[in-house]
């Protein structure tokens, strides 16, 4: 059993719900937690990260930072980090698990060391995700890089002085974020130029916001194509507060929208930089009643929903949750410009289409879009594949709550990657689940 009282690996049976009501405090942001923890380690003193996420991604990063020499102490929801500054321990092997952003951030900081090797025990997921664009940029800065086809395992050695470098933003903004964390610690600073169509601008702004919170000076163009960071800076230790998580909360709000009742999620900052904040406007456009009062967001469910067509690049981590709402809306919803979904824990376009079809829904895809035609009912009474992906588990859970019969979701334990309390929070709102022995990883 694990800390949440559930087996290490489990499937979940989702029972149909007649409605959801109540209040939930949004879990801490996964994206901000990992950024704050890395910046805290790159600072020379002691930083208190208040309200840090307890997700697997956060745990994997903390273990890697300890491997590099950081001191880590967790008391409740707060983490105190004693940083190593610009001198992580050399000759270390780090395993970020299945955390793609964590792996890439660590690759950037690895240029401060010699012979840091990154490996993964998820060869069929993170091990298959491309890292070549970032590795080439590090090589242009002077790092020595050894990899197998631009994928993990990867060994990186500095030193690098800094200067001008280009990196493609076509596949992911995480490559650029990794270089931004490295930039202020380089003697020559960083003059970063992003090439190609920039994907996921919101996480880049979160990285710049994190640098500012730790006293780092950086200047970015309005379109984020160029970021200049003076060299020889130091991260400033102190105290930072992690905001609430919009991607995970989007699943709760989508569930509230498709079922009768009234659900309030608190701790969601109104002017947050997380792109998934847009999920609120998407649900409103679909016809849901969404009311904000400061950091409290309330959805009054049971209203008919209708289809929308939206560019989903700005809220990629909420697309799965919003797809659940779309599957129960009138008409055909299309998420455009979401090709990066193919490079996540699973192929969130093709694999989602297949699971929707398995549930009896009509879905379609192109290279960079996903469409689903809403249905008045979902029969249920079957097993759905979670594809080892926390966002897929959220999508299938919301659909299961509206099904006529229970749905079993395989690999539900992968929810811990980003939202360990997901099922517990939904149970507090009136949902009912059963955990059973996992049939597959």
Protein backbone atom coordinates (compact mmCIF):
# COMPACT_ATOMS: atom_id res chain seq x y z
CA UNK A 1 0.00 0.00 0.00
CA UNK A 2 1.11 3.60 -0.57
CA UNK A 3 0.56 6.82 1.38
CA UNK A 4 -2.91 7.28 -0.11
CA UNK A 5 -4.03 3.88 1.19
CA UNK A 6 -4.27 2.40 -2.30
CA UNK A 7 -2.17 -0.38 -3.84
CA UNK A 8 0.94 0.67 -5.72
CA UNK A 9 -0.77 -0.40 -8.95
CA UNK A 10 -4.54 -0.42 -9.30
CA UNK A 11 -7.45 -0.16 -11.70
CA UNK A 12 -10.50 1.84 -10.72
CA UNK A 13 -14.18 1.10 -11.27
CA UNK A 14 -16.11 4.31 -11.79
CA UNK A 15 -19.77 4.13 -10.80
CA UNK A 16 -22.37 6.37 -12.42
CA UNK A 17 -23.14 9.49 -10.37
CA UNK A 18 -26.50 11.22 -10.09
CA UNK A 19 -24.85 14.52 -9.27
CA UNK A 20 -21.87 16.27 -7.68
CA UNK A 21 -21.97 18.94 -4.99
CA UNK A 22 -19.54 20.50 -2.57
CA UNK A 23 -16.28 22.41 -2.34
CA UNK A 24 -12.69 21.38 -3.08
CA UNK A 25 -9.46 23.27 -2.62
CA UNK A 26 -7.45 23.00 -5.84
CA UNK A 27 -4.33 20.90 -5.49
CA UNK A 28 -0.99 22.75 -5.84
CA UNK A 29 0.17 23.45 -9.37
CA UNK A 30 2.37 20.70 -10.78
CA UNK A 31 4.06 23.09 -13.20
CA UNK A 32 4.87 25.74 -10.61
CA UNK A 33 5.97 23.18 -8.02
CA UNK A 34 8.64 21.70 -10.29
CA UNK A 35 9.83 25.14 -11.40
CA UNK A 36 10.04 26.48 -7.85
CA UNK A 37 11.85 23.39 -6.55
CA UNK A 38 14.47 23.55 -9.31
CA UNK A 39 15.02 27.28 -8.81
CA UNK A 40 15.31 26.69 -5.04
CA UNK A 41 18.06 24.14 -5.65
CA UNK A 42 19.87 26.53 -7.98
CA UNK A 43 19.83 29.15 -5.22
CA UNK A 44 22.68 29.13 -2.75
CA UNK A 45 20.68 29.36 0.46
CA UNK A 46 17.52 27.94 1.97
CA UNK A 47 14.14 28.32 0.27
CA UNK A 48 10.74 27.41 1.65
CA UNK A 49 8.30 26.28 -1.06
CA UNK A 50 4.88 26.66 0.53
CA UNK A 51 2.06 24.38 -0.60
CA UNK A 52 4.17 22.18 -2.88
CA UNK A 53 2.51 19.39 -4.87
CA UNK A 54 2.94 15.83 -3.65
CA UNK A 55 2.73 14.35 -7.14
CA UNK A 56 5.09 11.74 -8.54
CA UNK A 57 6.67 14.41 -10.75
CA UNK A 58 7.53 16.53 -7.71
CA UNK A 59 8.88 13.50 -5.89
CA UNK A 60 11.04 12.49 -8.83
CA UNK A 61 12.51 15.98 -9.09
CA UNK A 62 13.26 16.17 -5.38
CA UNK A 63 15.07 12.83 -5.50
CA UNK A 64 17.19 14.07 -8.42
CA UNK A 65 17.99 17.34 -6.68
CA UNK A 66 19.10 15.42 -3.61
CA UNK A 67 21.32 13.33 -5.85
CA UNK A 68 22.95 16.57 -6.98
CA UNK A 69 23.53 17.60 -3.36
CA UNK A 70 20.47 19.61 -2.36
CA UNK A 71 19.09 19.31 1.15
CA UNK A 72 15.36 18.60 1.21
CA UNK A 73 12.93 18.61 4.12
CA UNK A 74 9.17 18.22 3.72
CA UNK A 75 6.83 19.19 6.56
CA UNK A 76 3.20 18.78 5.57
CA UNK A 77 2.64 20.63 2.31
CA UNK A 78 5.80 22.73 2.60
CA UNK A 79 9.24 21.81 1.28
CA UNK A 80 12.46 23.45 2.44
CA UNK A 81 15.33 23.20 -0.04
CA UNK A 82 18.97 23.98 0.78
CA UNK A 83 20.34 24.73 -2.64
CA UNK A 84 23.65 23.88 -4.29
CA UNK A 85 23.68 27.05 -6.38
CA UNK A 86 25.64 26.84 -9.61
CA UNK A 87 27.54 23.71 -8.52
CA UNK A 88 25.49 20.54 -8.63
CA UNK A 89 27.46 17.43 -7.67
CA UNK A 90 29.27 15.93 -10.72
CA UNK A 91 29.28 12.32 -11.90
CA UNK A 92 25.71 11.60 -10.79
CA UNK A 93 23.04 9.41 -12.43
CA UNK A 94 19.54 10.87 -12.16
CA UNK A 95 16.22 9.12 -12.80
CA UNK A 96 13.30 11.51 -13.34
CA UNK A 97 10.85 8.61 -13.67
CA UNK A 98 8.23 9.44 -16.29
CA UNK A 99 8.37 13.22 -15.84
CA UNK A 100 9.17 14.80 -19.19
CA UNK A 101 9.41 18.41 -18.04
CA UNK A 102 11.54 17.39 -15.06
CA UNK A 103 13.93 15.47 -17.32
CA UNK A 104 14.34 18.43 -19.66
CA UNK A 105 14.85 20.98 -16.88
CA UNK A 106 17.53 18.73 -15.39
CA UNK A 107 19.24 18.38 -18.77
CA UNK A 108 19.63 22.13 -18.92
CA UNK A 109 21.08 22.38 -15.42
CA UNK A 110 23.34 19.37 -16.15
CA UNK A 111 25.51 21.68 -18.25
CA UNK A 112 26.71 23.12 -14.93
CA UNK A 113 28.24 19.74 -14.05
CA UNK A 114 30.40 17.05 -15.58
CA UNK A 115 29.20 13.56 -16.39
CA UNK A 116 25.60 13.83 -15.27
CA UNK A 117 23.60 10.95 -16.74
CA UNK A 118 19.82 10.92 -17.00
CA UNK A 119 18.03 7.59 -17.27
CA UNK A 120 14.40 6.51 -16.99
CA UNK A 121 12.62 3.38 -15.82
CA UNK A 122 9.80 4.16 -18.29
CA UNK A 123 11.48 3.28 -21.60
CA UNK A 124 8.17 2.98 -23.47
CA UNK A 125 6.97 6.42 -22.41
CA UNK A 126 9.59 9.02 -21.43
CA UNK A 127 12.26 6.87 -23.04
CA UNK A 128 10.58 7.38 -26.42
CA UNK A 129 10.03 11.12 -26.12
CA UNK A 130 12.38 13.29 -28.23
CA UNK A 131 15.07 15.40 -26.57
CA UNK A 132 17.21 16.16 -29.63
CA UNK A 133 16.31 19.84 -30.02
CA UNK A 134 17.44 20.60 -26.46
CA UNK A 135 20.55 18.45 -26.69
CA UNK A 136 21.65 20.17 -29.90
CA UNK A 137 21.20 23.59 -28.27
CA UNK A 138 23.35 22.49 -25.31
CA UNK A 139 26.03 21.27 -27.71
CA UNK A 140 25.99 24.64 -29.50
CA UNK A 141 26.64 26.26 -26.13
CA UNK A 142 29.68 24.00 -25.73
CA UNK A 143 28.37 21.07 -23.69
CA UNK A 144 29.46 17.51 -24.41
CA UNK A 145 26.42 15.30 -24.95
CA UNK A 146 26.11 11.56 -25.41
CA UNK A 147 22.72 10.01 -26.20
CA UNK A 148 21.00 7.26 -28.10
CA UNK A 149 19.24 8.98 -30.99
CA UNK A 150 18.37 12.06 -28.97
CA UNK A 151 16.56 10.01 -26.33
CA UNK A 152 17.32 8.82 -22.81
CA UNK A 153 19.73 7.74 -21.48
CA UNK A 154 21.69 10.97 -21.91
CA UNK A 155 25.05 12.05 -20.45
CA UNK A 156 25.87 15.77 -20.31
CA UNK A 157 29.06 17.58 -19.31
CA UNK A 158 29.90 21.25 -19.07
CA UNK A 159 31.31 23.74 -18.65
CA UNK A 160 29.51 26.13 -21.00
CA UNK A 161 30.06 29.88 -21.13
CA UNK A 162 26.76 30.93 -22.66
CA UNK A 163 25.96 33.36 -25.45
CA UNK A 164 23.60 33.21 -28.39
CA UNK A 165 21.77 29.98 -29.15
CA UNK A 166 18.70 28.87 -31.07
CA UNK A 167 16.28 26.13 -30.05
CA UNK A 168 13.21 24.87 -31.86
CA UNK A 169 9.89 25.43 -30.11
CA UNK A 170 7.96 23.22 -32.56
CA UNK A 171 7.76 20.14 -30.33
CA UNK A 172 7.78 21.62 -26.85
CA UNK A 173 8.40 24.82 -24.91
CA UNK A 174 10.18 22.75 -22.24
CA UNK A 175 13.43 22.86 -24.21
CA UNK A 176 13.45 26.65 -23.98
CA UNK A 177 12.51 26.57 -20.29
CA UNK A 178 15.45 24.26 -19.58
CA UNK A 179 17.84 26.73 -21.16
CA UNK A 180 16.25 29.67 -19.32
CA UNK A 181 16.93 28.03 -15.95
CA UNK A 182 20.56 27.55 -17.00
CA UNK A 183 21.06 31.04 -18.47
CA UNK A 184 21.62 33.26 -15.42
CA UNK A 185 24.33 30.95 -14.07
CA UNK A 186 26.42 31.08 -17.23
CA UNK A 187 29.35 33.54 -17.34
CA UNK A 188 28.21 34.85 -20.71
CA UNK A 189 24.50 34.74 -19.95
CA UNK A 190 22.02 33.61 -22.56
CA UNK A 191 20.66 35.16 -25.74
CA UNK A 192 17.96 32.63 -26.61
CA UNK A 193 16.19 32.63 -29.96
CA UNK A 194 13.15 30.37 -30.43
CA UNK A 195 12.58 29.03 -33.92
CA UNK A 196 9.55 27.48 -35.59
CA UNK A 197 5.96 27.77 -34.41
CA UNK A 198 6.11 28.28 -30.66
CA UNK A 199 4.01 25.74 -28.78
CA UNK A 200 2.62 26.28 -25.30
CA UNK A 201 3.61 29.87 -24.59
CA UNK A 202 1.97 29.80 -21.15
CA UNK A 203 4.56 27.46 -19.58
CA UNK A 204 7.33 29.70 -20.92
CA UNK A 205 5.76 32.64 -19.12
CA UNK A 206 5.56 30.53 -15.96
CA UNK A 207 9.31 29.88 -16.25
CA UNK A 208 10.04 33.59 -16.66
CA UNK A 209 7.74 34.31 -13.71
CA UNK A 210 9.71 31.79 -11.64
CA UNK A 211 13.03 33.41 -12.55
CA UNK A 212 11.65 36.77 -11.44
CA UNK A 213 10.39 35.29 -8.16
CA UNK A 214 13.96 34.14 -7.44
CA UNK A 215 15.54 37.49 -8.24
CA UNK A 216 16.78 36.70 -11.76
CA UNK A 217 16.73 39.44 -14.39
CA UNK A 218 15.48 38.44 -17.85
CA UNK A 219 14.05 40.34 -20.82
CA UNK A 220 11.67 38.69 -23.30
CA UNK A 221 10.12 39.97 -26.51
CA UNK A 222 6.33 40.16 -26.57
CA UNK A 223 6.12 37.11 -28.83
CA UNK A 224 8.68 35.21 -26.67
CA UNK A 225 10.88 34.57 -29.70
CA UNK A 226 13.87 36.12 -27.99
CA UNK A 227 14.84 36.04 -24.33
CA UNK A 228 17.99 37.72 -23.00
CA UNK A 229 19.40 36.82 -19.60
CA UNK A 230 22.54 38.55 -18.28
CA UNK A 231 25.18 36.17 -17.00
CA UNK A 232 26.81 35.88 -13.63
CA UNK A 233 23.57 36.15 -11.70
CA UNK A 234 22.53 34.16 -8.64
CA UNK A 235 19.15 32.73 -7.74
CA UNK A 236 17.88 34.39 -4.55
CA UNK A 237 16.69 32.03 -1.81
CA UNK A 238 13.55 32.91 0.13
CA UNK A 239 9.91 31.90 0.33
CA UNK A 240 7.50 31.17 -2.52
CA UNK A 241 3.84 30.12 -2.51
CA UNK A 242 2.65 27.56 -5.07
CA UNK A 243 -0.66 28.52 -6.72
CA UNK A 244 -3.55 26.13 -7.34
CA UNK A 245 -3.45 23.77 -10.30
CA UNK A 246 -5.68 24.60 -13.26
CA UNK A 247 -5.10 21.44 -15.38
CA UNK A 248 -6.25 19.05 -12.66
CA UNK A 249 -9.06 21.37 -11.58
CA UNK A 250 -10.33 21.42 -15.17
CA UNK A 251 -11.27 17.76 -14.74
CA UNK A 252 -13.29 18.53 -11.59
CA UNK A 253 -15.02 21.45 -13.31
CA UNK A 254 -15.78 19.40 -16.43
CA UNK A 255 -17.32 16.70 -14.24
CA UNK A 256 -19.39 19.37 -12.49
CA UNK A 257 -20.57 20.72 -15.84
CA UNK A 258 -21.93 17.38 -17.09
CA UNK A 259 -23.75 16.39 -13.88
CA UNK A 260 -26.44 18.07 -11.78
CA UNK A 261 -25.31 19.95 -8.68
CA UNK A 262 -23.02 22.78 -7.69
CA UNK A 263 -19.25 22.40 -7.29
CA UNK A 264 -16.82 25.08 -6.11
CA UNK A 265 -13.05 24.81 -6.55
CA UNK A 266 -11.03 27.27 -4.48
CA UNK A 267 -7.38 28.39 -4.67
CA UNK A 268 -7.58 29.21 -8.40
CA UNK A 269 -5.95 32.62 -8.93
CA UNK A 270 -7.91 34.82 -11.30
CA UNK A 271 -4.88 36.21 -13.16
CA UNK A 272 -2.75 33.07 -13.08
CA UNK A 273 -0.29 32.44 -15.93
CA UNK A 274 -1.36 28.82 -16.39
CA UNK A 275 -2.83 28.48 -19.88
CA UNK A 276 -5.37 25.94 -18.64
CA UNK A 277 -7.18 28.84 -16.96
CA UNK A 278 -8.79 29.11 -20.40
CA UNK A 279 -10.77 25.95 -19.58
CA UNK A 280 -13.22 28.18 -17.73
CA UNK A 281 -14.00 30.22 -20.84
CA UNK A 282 -14.27 27.04 -22.92
CA UNK A 283 -16.84 25.57 -20.53
CA UNK A 284 -18.75 28.86 -20.58
CA UNK A 285 -18.75 28.85 -24.38
CA UNK A 286 -20.10 25.30 -24.28
CA UNK A 287 -23.02 26.54 -22.20
CA UNK A 288 -21.95 25.70 -18.67
CA UNK A 289 -22.71 28.10 -15.84
CA UNK A 290 -19.31 29.12 -14.50
CA UNK A 291 -19.07 31.81 -11.80
CA UNK A 292 -15.88 33.29 -10.37
CA UNK A 293 -15.61 35.04 -7.02
CA UNK A 294 -11.96 35.89 -6.39
CA UNK A 295 -10.05 32.62 -6.27
CA UNK A 296 -13.28 30.59 -6.05
CA UNK A 297 -14.76 29.06 -9.22
CA UNK A 298 -18.25 27.55 -9.10
CA UNK A 299 -19.88 25.42 -11.77
CA UNK A 300 -23.62 24.77 -11.59
CA UNK A 301 -24.17 21.62 -13.61
CA UNK A 302 -27.01 20.03 -15.50
CA UNK A 303 -27.33 22.61 -18.27
CA UNK A 304 -27.26 21.39 -21.90
CA UNK A 305 -23.83 21.75 -23.49
CA UNK A 306 -23.03 22.41 -27.13
CA UNK A 307 -19.95 21.83 -29.27
CA UNK A 308 -17.16 24.33 -29.85
CA UNK A 309 -14.11 24.62 -32.09
CA UNK A 310 -11.05 26.00 -30.33
CA UNK A 311 -7.29 26.28 -30.76
CA UNK A 312 -6.18 24.04 -27.92
CA UNK A 313 -2.46 24.87 -27.89
CA UNK A 314 -2.85 27.33 -25.03
CA UNK A 315 -4.51 24.79 -22.72
CA UNK A 316 -3.07 21.44 -23.80
CA UNK A 317 -3.14 19.90 -20.32
CA UNK A 318 -6.89 20.56 -20.06
CA UNK A 319 -7.81 19.16 -23.48
CA UNK A 320 -8.49 15.67 -22.11
CA UNK A 321 -10.81 16.96 -19.38
CA UNK A 322 -12.64 19.24 -21.81
CA UNK A 323 -12.97 16.33 -24.25
CA UNK A 324 -15.08 14.57 -21.61
CA UNK A 325 -17.46 17.55 -21.59
CA UNK A 326 -17.45 17.63 -25.38
CA UNK A 327 -18.37 13.93 -25.51
CA UNK A 328 -21.61 14.82 -23.72
CA UNK A 329 -22.35 18.01 -25.66
CA UNK A 330 -24.57 18.50 -28.69
CA UNK A 331 -22.61 18.60 -31.96
CA UNK A 332 -18.98 17.99 -32.93
CA UNK A 333 -16.21 19.65 -30.94
CA UNK A 334 -12.75 20.08 -32.48
CA UNK A 335 -9.51 20.94 -30.73
CA UNK A 336 -7.15 22.43 -33.31
CA UNK A 337 -3.36 22.96 -33.22
CA UNK A 338 -2.76 20.26 -30.60
CA UNK A 339 -0.05 18.19 -32.31
CA UNK A 340 2.07 18.33 -29.14
CA UNK A 341 -0.49 16.03 -27.50
CA UNK A 342 1.07 13.20 -29.47
CA UNK A 343 4.31 13.63 -27.49
CA UNK A 344 2.93 13.18 -23.98
CA UNK A 345 2.74 10.08 -21.77
CA UNK A 346 0.73 8.53 -24.58
CA UNK A 347 -0.47 9.77 -27.96
CA UNK A 348 -3.29 11.88 -26.59
CA UNK A 349 -4.83 12.29 -30.03
CA UNK A 350 -4.90 8.75 -31.45
CA UNK A 351 -5.23 6.98 -28.11
CA UNK A 352 -8.05 9.29 -27.03
CA UNK A 353 -9.88 8.71 -30.31
CA UNK A 354 -9.62 4.95 -29.82
CA UNK A 355 -10.93 5.09 -26.24
CA UNK A 356 -13.82 7.33 -27.25
CA UNK A 357 -14.74 4.89 -30.02
CA UNK A 358 -14.49 1.99 -27.57
CA UNK A 359 -17.10 3.80 -25.48
CA UNK A 360 -19.39 4.06 -28.50
CA UNK A 361 -18.66 7.67 -29.40
CA UNK A 362 -17.78 9.11 -32.79
CA UNK A 363 -14.33 10.67 -32.94
CA UNK A 364 -11.85 11.72 -35.60
CA UNK A 365 -8.31 13.02 -35.85
CA UNK A 366 -5.88 14.77 -38.14
CA UNK A 367 -2.17 15.26 -37.65
CA UNK A 368 -2.81 18.18 -35.28
CA UNK A 369 -6.48 18.01 -34.27
CA UNK A 370 -8.96 15.89 -32.34
CA UNK A 371 -12.73 15.89 -32.84
CA UNK A 372 -15.53 14.23 -30.89
CA UNK A 373 -19.23 14.16 -31.59
CA UNK A 374 -21.31 14.33 -28.45
CA UNK A 375 -23.73 11.60 -27.47
CA UNK A 376 -26.82 11.75 -25.32
CA UNK A 377 -25.68 8.75 -23.32
CA UNK A 378 -22.68 6.51 -22.66
CA UNK A 379 -23.57 2.87 -22.09
CA UNK A 380 -20.59 1.92 -19.95
CA UNK A 381 -20.31 -1.62 -18.62
CA UNK A 382 -16.86 -2.11 -20.14
CA UNK A 383 -13.12 -1.66 -19.55
CA UNK A 384 -11.25 1.40 -20.83
CA UNK A 385 -7.48 1.68 -21.19
CA UNK A 386 -5.82 4.48 -19.22
CA UNK A 387 -2.72 4.18 -21.47
CA UNK A 388 -0.43 4.91 -18.51
CA UNK A 389 -1.46 8.58 -18.73
CA UNK A 390 -2.83 10.63 -15.84
CA UNK A 391 -4.79 12.94 -18.16
CA UNK A 392 -6.40 9.97 -19.92
CA UNK A 393 -7.45 8.57 -16.54
CA UNK A 394 -9.12 11.92 -15.75
CA UNK A 395 -10.98 11.95 -19.08
CA UNK A 396 -12.27 8.39 -18.68
CA UNK A 397 -13.28 9.04 -15.07
CA UNK A 398 -15.48 11.99 -16.02
CA UNK A 399 -17.12 9.91 -18.76
CA UNK A 400 -17.63 7.06 -16.30
CA UNK A 401 -19.51 9.34 -13.93
CA UNK A 402 -22.06 9.98 -16.69
CA UNK A 403 -22.26 6.41 -18.02
CA UNK A 404 -25.29 4.15 -17.59
CA UNK A 405 -23.17 1.36 -16.10
CA UNK A 406 -19.77 1.26 -14.34
CA UNK A 407 -16.55 1.65 -16.33
CA UNK A 408 -13.27 0.04 -15.31
CA UNK A 409 -10.16 2.10 -16.07
CA UNK A 410 -6.86 0.24 -16.28
CA UNK A 411 -3.70 1.70 -14.77
CA UNK A 412 -5.56 4.25 -12.66
CA UNK A 413 -2.53 4.52 -10.35
CA UNK A 414 -0.91 6.76 -12.97
CA UNK A 415 -3.12 9.54 -11.62
CA UNK A 416 -0.43 10.02 -8.97
CA UNK A 417 1.84 11.58 -11.59
CA UNK A 418 0.01 14.89 -11.27
CA UNK A 419 -3.05 14.58 -8.99
CA UNK A 420 -2.75 11.99 -6.20
CA UNK A 421 -5.95 13.19 -4.47
CA UNK A 422 -8.10 13.13 -7.62
CA UNK A 423 -10.38 10.24 -6.66
CA UNK A 424 -10.58 11.34 -3.03
CA UNK A 425 -11.61 14.86 -4.07
CA UNK A 426 -14.34 13.50 -6.35
CA UNK A 427 -15.56 11.18 -3.61
CA UNK A 428 -15.94 14.23 -1.38
CA UNK A 429 -18.26 15.66 -4.04
CA UNK A 430 -20.41 12.52 -4.15
CA UNK A 431 -18.71 10.21 -6.66
CA UNK A 432 -18.15 6.51 -5.93
CA UNK A 433 -15.17 4.39 -6.96
CA UNK A 434 -13.73 0.97 -6.29
CA UNK A 435 -10.02 0.20 -6.56
CA UNK A 436 -9.16 -3.29 -7.78
CA UNK A 437 -5.98 -5.15 -8.64
CA UNK A 438 -4.35 -3.75 -11.75
CA UNK A 439 -4.60 -5.78 -14.94
CA UNK A 440 -1.60 -4.03 -16.52
CA UNK A 441 0.97 -1.36 -15.71
